[in-house]
Full PDB file with SEQRES, HELIX, SHEET, SSBOND, CRYST1, ORIGX, SCALE, CONECT and MASTER records, all heavy atoms in Angstrom:
SEQRES   1 A   36  THR GLY LEU GLY LEU SER ILE CYS LYS SER LEU ALA GLU          
SEQRES   2 A   36  GLY LEU LYS GLY ASN ILE ASN VAL LYS SER GLU LEU GLY          
SEQRES   3 A   36  ILE GLY SER VAL PHE SER ILE ASP LEU PRO                      
HELIX    1 AA1 GLY A    4  GLY A   14  1                                  11    
SHEET    1 AA1 2 ASN A  18  GLU A  24  0                                        
SHEET    2 AA1 2 GLY A  28  ASP A  34 -1                                        
CRYST1    1.000    1.000    1.000  90.00  90.00  90.00 P 1           1          
ORIGX1      1.000000  0.000000  0.000000        0.00000                         
ORIGX2      0.000000  1.000000  0.000000        0.00000                         
ORIGX3      0.000000  0.000000  1.000000        0.00000                         
SCALE1      1.000000  0.000000  0.000000        0.00000                         
SCALE2      0.000000  1.000000  0.000000        0.00000                         
SCALE3      0.000000  0.000000  1.000000        0.00000                         
ATOM      1  N   THR A   1     196.828  93.980 115.667  1.00  0.00           N  
ATOM      2  CA  THR A   1     195.761  93.445 114.920  1.00  0.00           C  
ATOM      3  C   THR A   1     194.885  94.380 114.197  1.00  0.00           C  
ATOM      4  O   THR A   1     194.177  94.022 113.327  1.00  0.00           O  
ATOM      5  CB  THR A   1     194.831  92.604 115.919  1.00  0.00           C  
ATOM      6  OG1 THR A   1     194.347  93.570 116.921  1.00  0.00           O  
ATOM      7  CG2 THR A   1     195.677  91.486 116.673  1.00  0.00           C  
ATOM      8  N   GLY A   2     195.050  95.623 114.496  1.00  0.00           N  
ATOM      9  CA  GLY A   2     194.191  96.603 113.969  1.00  0.00           C  
ATOM     10  C   GLY A   2     192.817  96.609 114.637  1.00  0.00           C  
ATOM     11  O   GLY A   2     191.826  97.163 114.082  1.00  0.00           O  
ATOM     12  N   LEU A   3     192.744  96.074 115.837  1.00  0.00           N  
ATOM     13  CA  LEU A   3     191.474  96.110 116.576  1.00  0.00           C  
ATOM     14  C   LEU A   3     191.471  97.103 117.699  1.00  0.00           C  
ATOM     15  O   LEU A   3     190.316  97.468 118.239  1.00  0.00           O  
ATOM     16  CB  LEU A   3     191.293  94.687 117.210  1.00  0.00           C  
ATOM     17  CG  LEU A   3     191.091  93.490 116.290  1.00  0.00           C  
ATOM     18  CD1 LEU A   3     191.009  92.190 117.139  1.00  0.00           C  
ATOM     19  CD2 LEU A   3     189.698  93.696 115.585  1.00  0.00           C  
ATOM     20  N   GLY A   4     192.568  97.654 118.091  1.00  0.00           N  
ATOM     21  CA  GLY A   4     192.747  98.523 119.216  1.00  0.00           C  
ATOM     22  C   GLY A   4     191.733  99.704 119.228  1.00  0.00           C  
ATOM     23  O   GLY A   4     190.959  99.884 120.187  1.00  0.00           O  
ATOM     24  N   LEU A   5     191.766 100.570 118.163  1.00  0.00           N  
ATOM     25  CA  LEU A   5     190.940 101.798 118.160  1.00  0.00           C  
ATOM     26  C   LEU A   5     189.467 101.440 118.013  1.00  0.00           C  
ATOM     27  O   LEU A   5     188.565 102.122 118.516  1.00  0.00           O  
ATOM     28  CB  LEU A   5     191.352 102.693 116.996  1.00  0.00           C  
ATOM     29  CG  LEU A   5     192.696 103.496 117.248  1.00  0.00           C  
ATOM     30  CD1 LEU A   5     193.028 104.300 116.046  1.00  0.00           C  
ATOM     31  CD2 LEU A   5     192.594 104.316 118.506  1.00  0.00           C  
ATOM     32  N   SER A   6     189.107 100.272 117.320  1.00  0.00           N  
ATOM     33  CA  SER A   6     187.801  99.786 117.141  1.00  0.00           C  
ATOM     34  C   SER A   6     187.179  99.421 118.569  1.00  0.00           C  
ATOM     35  O   SER A   6     186.086  99.769 118.921  1.00  0.00           O  
ATOM     36  CB  SER A   6     187.633  98.624 116.234  1.00  0.00           C  
ATOM     37  OG  SER A   6     186.364  98.005 116.234  1.00  0.00           O  
ATOM     38  N   ILE A   7     188.062  98.731 119.362  1.00  0.00           N  
ATOM     39  CA  ILE A   7     187.562  98.300 120.618  1.00  0.00           C  
ATOM     40  C   ILE A   7     187.482  99.557 121.526  1.00  0.00           C  
ATOM     41  O   ILE A   7     186.499  99.672 122.364  1.00  0.00           O  
ATOM     42  CB  ILE A   7     188.661  97.296 121.266  1.00  0.00           C  
ATOM     43  CG1 ILE A   7     188.499  96.052 120.478  1.00  0.00           C  
ATOM     44  CG2 ILE A   7     188.388  97.097 122.753  1.00  0.00           C  
ATOM     45  CD1 ILE A   7     189.582  95.054 120.883  1.00  0.00           C  
ATOM     46  N   CYS A   8     188.406 100.543 121.430  1.00  0.00           N  
ATOM     47  CA  CYS A   8     188.321 101.767 122.206  1.00  0.00           C  
ATOM     48  C   CYS A   8     187.015 102.562 121.936  1.00  0.00           C  
ATOM     49  O   CYS A   8     186.436 103.100 122.856  1.00  0.00           O  
ATOM     50  CB  CYS A   8     189.482 102.636 121.883  1.00  0.00           C  
ATOM     51  SG  CYS A   8     191.131 102.125 122.548  1.00  0.00           S  
ATOM     52  N   LYS A   9     186.583 102.616 120.691  1.00  0.00           N  
ATOM     53  CA  LYS A   9     185.427 103.202 120.345  1.00  0.00           C  
ATOM     54  C   LYS A   9     184.222 102.594 121.072  1.00  0.00           C  
ATOM     55  O   LYS A   9     183.317 103.248 121.637  1.00  0.00           O  
ATOM     56  CB  LYS A   9     185.171 103.255 118.813  1.00  0.00           C  
ATOM     57  CG  LYS A   9     183.979 104.075 118.353  1.00  0.00           C  
ATOM     58  CD  LYS A   9     183.890 103.965 116.863  1.00  0.00           C  
ATOM     59  CE  LYS A   9     182.658 104.797 116.397  1.00  0.00           C  
ATOM     60  NZ  LYS A   9     182.524 104.720 114.956  1.00  0.00           N  
ATOM     61  N   SER A  10     184.145 101.248 121.048  1.00  0.00           N  
ATOM     62  CA  SER A  10     183.046 100.555 121.677  1.00  0.00           C  
ATOM     63  C   SER A  10     183.030 100.754 123.156  1.00  0.00           C  
ATOM     64  O   SER A  10     182.046 100.910 123.861  1.00  0.00           O  
ATOM     65  CB  SER A  10     183.103  99.045 121.324  1.00  0.00           C  
ATOM     66  OG  SER A  10     182.964  98.855 119.971  1.00  0.00           O  
ATOM     67  N   LEU A  11     184.275 100.722 123.735  1.00  0.00           N  
ATOM     68  CA  LEU A  11     184.437 100.915 125.170  1.00  0.00           C  
ATOM     69  C   LEU A  11     183.881 102.399 125.649  1.00  0.00           C  
ATOM     70  O   LEU A  11     183.238 102.580 126.623  1.00  0.00           O  
ATOM     71  CB  LEU A  11     185.861 100.744 125.634  1.00  0.00           C  
ATOM     72  CG  LEU A  11     186.370  99.338 125.558  1.00  0.00           C  
ATOM     73  CD1 LEU A  11     187.891  99.358 125.954  1.00  0.00           C  
ATOM     74  CD2 LEU A  11     185.601  98.384 126.468  1.00  0.00           C  
ATOM     75  N   ALA A  12     184.343 103.450 124.784  1.00  0.00           N  
ATOM     76  CA  ALA A  12     183.936 104.697 125.059  1.00  0.00           C  
ATOM     77  C   ALA A  12     182.411 104.869 125.015  1.00  0.00           C  
ATOM     78  O   ALA A  12     181.806 105.531 125.812  1.00  0.00           O  
ATOM     79  CB  ALA A  12     184.522 105.716 124.005  1.00  0.00           C  
ATOM     80  N   GLU A  13     181.875 104.265 124.101  1.00  0.00           N  
ATOM     81  CA  GLU A  13     180.329 104.348 123.986  1.00  0.00           C  
ATOM     82  C   GLU A  13     179.671 103.676 125.252  1.00  0.00           C  
ATOM     83  O   GLU A  13     178.664 104.110 125.783  1.00  0.00           O  
ATOM     84  CB  GLU A  13     179.850 103.617 122.638  1.00  0.00           C  
ATOM     85  CG  GLU A  13     180.197 104.369 121.395  1.00  0.00           C  
ATOM     86  CD  GLU A  13     179.929 103.582 120.181  1.00  0.00           C  
ATOM     87  OE1 GLU A  13     179.645 102.421 120.269  1.00  0.00           O  
ATOM     88  OE2 GLU A  13     180.124 104.109 119.047  1.00  0.00           O  
ATOM     89  N   GLY A  14     180.373 102.515 125.700  1.00  0.00           N  
ATOM     90  CA  GLY A  14     179.820 101.885 126.900  1.00  0.00           C  
ATOM     91  C   GLY A  14     179.923 102.796 128.119  1.00  0.00           C  
ATOM     92  O   GLY A  14     179.115 102.644 129.037  1.00  0.00           O  
ATOM     93  N   LEU A  15     180.967 103.767 128.122  1.00  0.00           N  
ATOM     94  CA  LEU A  15     181.193 104.574 129.200  1.00  0.00           C  
ATOM     95  C   LEU A  15     180.332 105.871 129.060  1.00  0.00           C  
ATOM     96  O   LEU A  15     180.650 106.824 129.802  1.00  0.00           O  
ATOM     97  CB  LEU A  15     182.621 104.905 129.389  1.00  0.00           C  
ATOM     98  CG  LEU A  15     183.570 103.731 129.710  1.00  0.00           C  
ATOM     99  CD1 LEU A  15     185.079 104.154 129.686  1.00  0.00           C  
ATOM    100  CD2 LEU A  15     183.271 103.230 131.140  1.00  0.00           C  
ATOM    101  N   LYS A  16     179.466 105.868 128.020  1.00  0.00           N  
ATOM    102  CA  LYS A  16     178.641 107.081 127.690  1.00  0.00           C  
ATOM    103  C   LYS A  16     179.521 108.250 127.293  1.00  0.00           C  
ATOM    104  O   LYS A  16     179.236 109.442 127.603  1.00  0.00           O  
ATOM    105  CB  LYS A  16     177.743 107.453 128.857  1.00  0.00           C  
ATOM    106  CG  LYS A  16     176.646 106.387 129.178  1.00  0.00           C  
ATOM    107  CD  LYS A  16     175.796 106.822 130.306  1.00  0.00           C  
ATOM    108  CE  LYS A  16     174.613 105.921 130.541  1.00  0.00           C  
ATOM    109  NZ  LYS A  16     175.007 104.426 130.666  1.00  0.00           N  
ATOM    110  N   GLY A  17     180.645 107.921 126.630  1.00  0.00           N  
ATOM    111  CA  GLY A  17     181.477 109.038 126.144  1.00  0.00           C  
ATOM    112  C   GLY A  17     181.819 108.890 124.650  1.00  0.00           C  
ATOM    113  O   GLY A  17     181.083 108.107 123.984  1.00  0.00           O  
ATOM    114  N   ASN A  18     182.599 109.625 124.099  1.00  0.00           N  
ATOM    115  CA  ASN A  18     182.943 109.617 122.700  1.00  0.00           C  
ATOM    116  C   ASN A  18     184.397 109.960 122.486  1.00  0.00           C  
ATOM    117  O   ASN A  18     184.978 110.758 123.181  1.00  0.00           O  
ATOM    118  CB  ASN A  18     182.084 110.419 121.917  1.00  0.00           C  
ATOM    119  CG  ASN A  18     182.217 112.027 122.232  1.00  0.00           C  
ATOM    120  OD1 ASN A  18     181.618 112.393 123.238  1.00  0.00           O  
ATOM    121  ND2 ASN A  18     182.923 112.690 121.470  1.00  0.00           N  
ATOM    122  N   ILE A  19     185.010 109.471 121.403  1.00  0.00           N  
ATOM    123  CA  ILE A  19     186.395 109.600 121.091  1.00  0.00           C  
ATOM    124  C   ILE A  19     186.533 110.667 119.896  1.00  0.00           C  
ATOM    125  O   ILE A  19     185.710 110.677 118.988  1.00  0.00           O  
ATOM    126  CB  ILE A  19     187.047 108.279 120.653  1.00  0.00           C  
ATOM    127  CG1 ILE A  19     187.161 107.383 121.820  1.00  0.00           C  
ATOM    128  CG2 ILE A  19     188.390 108.466 120.031  1.00  0.00           C  
ATOM    129  CD1 ILE A  19     187.705 106.001 121.437  1.00  0.00           C  
ATOM    130  N   ASN A  20     187.488 111.528 120.080  1.00  0.00           N  
ATOM    131  CA  ASN A  20     187.688 112.523 119.086  1.00  0.00           C  
ATOM    132  C   ASN A  20     189.213 112.451 118.561  1.00  0.00           C  
ATOM    133  O   ASN A  20     190.046 111.978 119.348  1.00  0.00           O  
ATOM    134  CB  ASN A  20     187.555 113.942 119.601  1.00  0.00           C  
ATOM    135  CG  ASN A  20     186.187 114.140 120.274  1.00  0.00           C  
ATOM    136  OD1 ASN A  20     185.242 114.228 119.629  1.00  0.00           O  
ATOM    137  ND2 ASN A  20     186.086 114.082 121.568  1.00  0.00           N  
ATOM    138  N   VAL A  21     189.437 112.724 117.383  1.00  0.00           N  
ATOM    139  CA  VAL A  21     190.874 112.713 116.769  1.00  0.00           C  
ATOM    140  C   VAL A  21     191.008 113.917 115.960  1.00  0.00           C  
ATOM    141  O   VAL A  21     190.189 114.267 115.105  1.00  0.00           O  
ATOM    142  CB  VAL A  21     191.067 111.394 116.141  1.00  0.00           C  
ATOM    143  CG1 VAL A  21     190.148 111.180 114.951  1.00  0.00           C  
ATOM    144  CG2 VAL A  21     192.518 111.402 115.553  1.00  0.00           C  
ATOM    145  N   LYS A  22     192.159 114.567 116.097  1.00  0.00           N  
ATOM    146  CA  LYS A  22     192.704 115.645 115.186  1.00  0.00           C  
ATOM    147  C   LYS A  22     194.024 115.239 114.726  1.00  0.00           C  
ATOM    148  O   LYS A  22     194.820 114.837 115.613  1.00  0.00           O  
ATOM    149  CB  LYS A  22     192.632 116.938 115.871  1.00  0.00           C  
ATOM    150  CG  LYS A  22     191.325 117.523 116.279  1.00  0.00           C  
ATOM    151  CD  LYS A  22     191.342 118.825 116.992  1.00  0.00           C  
ATOM    152  CE  LYS A  22     189.946 119.258 117.407  1.00  0.00           C  
ATOM    153  NZ  LYS A  22     190.031 120.604 118.103  1.00  0.00           N  
ATOM    154  N   SER A  23     194.338 115.452 113.470  1.00  0.00           N  
ATOM    155  CA  SER A  23     195.703 115.105 113.042  1.00  0.00           C  
ATOM    156  C   SER A  23     196.090 115.848 111.822  1.00  0.00           C  
ATOM    157  O   SER A  23     195.227 116.235 110.965  1.00  0.00           O  
ATOM    158  CB  SER A  23     195.690 113.583 112.714  1.00  0.00           C  
ATOM    159  OG  SER A  23     197.007 113.131 112.477  1.00  0.00           O  
ATOM    160  N   GLU A  24     197.404 115.947 111.681  1.00  0.00           N  
ATOM    161  CA  GLU A  24     197.915 116.665 110.480  1.00  0.00           C  
ATOM    162  C   GLU A  24     199.195 115.958 110.128  1.00  0.00           C  
ATOM    163  O   GLU A  24     200.093 115.733 110.949  1.00  0.00           O  
ATOM    164  CB  GLU A  24     198.251 118.126 110.819  1.00  0.00           C  
ATOM    165  CG  GLU A  24     198.600 118.965 109.637  1.00  0.00           C  
ATOM    166  CD  GLU A  24     198.758 120.397 109.968  1.00  0.00           C  
ATOM    167  OE1 GLU A  24     198.312 120.866 111.080  1.00  0.00           O  
ATOM    168  OE2 GLU A  24     199.249 121.141 109.112  1.00  0.00           O  
ATOM    169  N   LEU A  25     199.270 115.604 108.731  1.00  0.00           N  
ATOM    170  CA  LEU A  25     200.465 114.853 108.301  1.00  0.00           C  
ATOM    171  C   LEU A  25     201.781 115.591 108.676  1.00  0.00           C  
ATOM    172  O   LEU A  25     201.903 116.885 108.373  1.00  0.00           O  
ATOM    173  CB  LEU A  25     200.402 114.697 106.796  1.00  0.00           C  
ATOM    174  CG  LEU A  25     199.514 113.428 106.304  1.00  0.00           C  
ATOM    175  CD1 LEU A  25     199.437 113.377 104.853  1.00  0.00           C  
ATOM    176  CD2 LEU A  25     200.109 112.080 106.863  1.00  0.00           C  
ATOM    177  N   GLY A  26     202.768 114.874 109.193  1.00  0.00           N  
ATOM    178  CA  GLY A  26     204.064 115.445 109.486  1.00  0.00           C  
ATOM    179  C   GLY A  26     204.135 116.304 110.681  1.00  0.00           C  
ATOM    180  O   GLY A  26     205.162 116.677 111.219  1.00  0.00           O  
ATOM    181  N   ILE A  27     202.980 116.552 111.326  1.00  0.00           N  
ATOM    182  CA  ILE A  27     202.884 117.444 112.487  1.00  0.00           C  
ATOM    183  C   ILE A  27     202.471 116.644 113.846  1.00  0.00           C  
ATOM    184  O   ILE A  27     203.244 116.806 114.825  1.00  0.00           O  
ATOM    185  CB  ILE A  27     201.811 118.604 112.292  1.00  0.00           C  
ATOM    186  CG1 ILE A  27     202.158 119.453 111.095  1.00  0.00           C  
ATOM    187  CG2 ILE A  27     201.781 119.386 113.632  1.00  0.00           C  
ATOM    188  CD1 ILE A  27     203.390 120.163 111.163  1.00  0.00           C  
ATOM    189  N   GLY A  28     201.593 115.689 113.691  1.00  0.00           N  
ATOM    190  CA  GLY A  28     201.282 114.853 114.813  1.00  0.00           C  
ATOM    191  C   GLY A  28     199.641 114.750 114.976  1.00  0.00           C  
ATOM    192  O   GLY A  28     198.924 115.210 114.076  1.00  0.00           O  
ATOM    193  N   SER A  29     199.322 114.102 116.094  1.00  0.00           N  
ATOM    194  CA  SER A  29     197.875 113.855 116.271  1.00  0.00           C  
ATOM    195  C   SER A  29     197.537 114.068 117.749  1.00  0.00           C  
ATOM    196  O   SER A  29     198.388 114.009 118.620  1.00  0.00           O  
ATOM    197  CB  SER A  29     197.569 112.321 115.959  1.00  0.00           C  
ATOM    198  OG  SER A  29     198.047 112.048 114.663  1.00  0.00           O  
ATOM    199  N   VAL A  30     196.205 114.273 117.876  1.00  0.00           N  
ATOM    200  CA  VAL A  30     195.620 114.404 119.305  1.00  0.00           C  
ATOM    201  C   VAL A  30     194.488 113.448 119.312  1.00  0.00           C  
ATOM    202  O   VAL A  30     193.388 113.625 118.637  1.00  0.00           O  
ATOM    203  CB  VAL A  30     195.215 115.829 119.625  1.00  0.00           C  
ATOM    204  CG1 VAL A  30     194.655 115.917 121.080  1.00  0.00           C  
ATOM    205  CG2 VAL A  30     196.355 116.747 119.524  1.00  0.00           C  
ATOM    206  N   PHE A  31     194.505 112.388 120.260  1.00  0.00           N  
ATOM    207  CA  PHE A  31     193.369 111.494 120.461  1.00  0.00           C  
ATOM    208  C   PHE A  31     192.841 111.865 121.922  1.00  0.00           C  
ATOM    209  O   PHE A  31     193.624 112.033 122.801  1.00  0.00           O  
ATOM    210  CB  PHE A  31     193.831 110.120 120.406  1.00  0.00           C  
ATOM    211  CG  PHE A  31     194.042 109.482 119.067  1.00  0.00           C  
ATOM    212  CD1 PHE A  31     195.172 109.706 118.388  1.00  0.00           C  
ATOM    213  CD2 PHE A  31     193.011 108.814 118.553  1.00  0.00           C  
ATOM    214  CE1 PHE A  31     195.339 109.210 117.034  1.00  0.00           C  
ATOM    215  CE2 PHE A  31     193.139 108.227 117.144  1.00  0.00           C  
ATOM    216  CZ  PHE A  31     194.246 108.414 116.450  1.00  0.00           C  
ATOM    217  N   SER A  32     191.499 111.974 121.935  1.00  0.00           N  
ATOM    218  CA  SER A  32     190.899 112.254 123.238  1.00  0.00           C  
ATOM    219  C   SER A  32     189.629 111.546 123.433  1.00  0.00           C  
ATOM    220  O   SER A  32     189.012 111.117 122.408  1.00  0.00           O  
ATOM    221  CB  SER A  32     190.665 113.787 123.275  1.00  0.00           C  
ATOM    222  OG  SER A  32     189.755 114.211 122.249  1.00  0.00           O  
ATOM    223  N   ILE A  33     189.248 111.442 124.681  1.00  0.00           N  
ATOM    224  CA  ILE A  33     187.924 110.827 124.992  1.00  0.00           C  
ATOM    225  C   ILE A  33     187.192 111.778 125.882  1.00  0.00           C  
ATOM    226  O   ILE A  33     187.783 112.228 126.908  1.00  0.00           O  
ATOM    227  CB  ILE A  33     188.004 109.396 125.587  1.00  0.00           C  
ATOM    228  CG1 ILE A  33     186.710 108.944 126.082  1.00  0.00           C  
ATOM    229  CG2 ILE A  33     189.066 109.357 126.731  1.00  0.00           C  
ATOM    230  CD1 ILE A  33     186.663 107.459 126.620  1.00  0.00           C  
ATOM    231  N   ASP A  34     186.015 112.137 125.578  1.00  0.00           N  
ATOM    232  CA  ASP A  34     185.178 112.877 126.403  1.00  0.00           C  
ATOM    233  C   ASP A  34     184.183 112.026 127.268  1.00  0.00           C  
ATOM    234  O   ASP A  34     183.543 111.144 126.777  1.00  0.00           O  
ATOM    235  CB  ASP A  34     184.278 113.801 125.606  1.00  0.00           C  
ATOM    236  CG  ASP A  34     185.147 114.845 124.857  1.00  0.00           C  
ATOM    237  OD1 ASP A  34     186.195 115.108 125.186  1.00  0.00           O  
ATOM    238  OD2 ASP A  34     184.541 115.524 123.925  1.00  0.00           O  
ATOM    239  N   LEU A  35     184.256 112.311 128.580  1.00  0.00           N  
ATOM    240  CA  LEU A  35     183.406 111.514 129.535  1.00  0.00           C  
ATOM    241  C   LEU A  35     182.567 112.397 130.478  1.00  0.00           C  
ATOM    242  O   LEU A  35     183.067 113.417 130.866  1.00  0.00           O  
ATOM    243  CB  LEU A  35     184.226 110.582 130.478  1.00  0.00           C  
ATOM    244  CG  LEU A  35     184.995 109.375 129.931  1.00  0.00           C  
ATOM    245  CD1 LEU A  35     185.774 108.663 131.029  1.00  0.00           C  
ATOM    246  CD2 LEU A  35     183.936 108.454 129.228  1.00  0.00           C  
ATOM    247  N   PRO A  36     181.390 112.066 130.660  1.00  0.00           N  
ATOM    248  CA  PRO A  36     180.516 112.904 131.554  1.00  0.00           C  
ATOM    249  C   PRO A  36     181.109 112.806 133.008  1.00  0.00           C  
ATOM    250  O   PRO A  36     181.657 111.764 133.433  1.00  0.00           O  
ATOM    251  CB  PRO A  36     179.210 112.317 131.545  1.00  0.00           C  
ATOM    252  CG  PRO A  36     179.474 110.862 131.115  1.00  0.00           C  
ATOM    253  CD  PRO A  36     180.603 110.906 130.230  1.00  0.00           C  
TER     254      PRO A  36                                                      
MASTER        0    0    0    1    2    0    0    6  253    1    0    3          
END                                                                             
């Protein structure tokens, strides 16, 4: 639906955390969530 990451961002904020993403075309991506 294209809702997954949007919901994840809201959930992370509710957990007092934040989401980070690093990516490079043709190389790959790293998604992470920082939590206290």
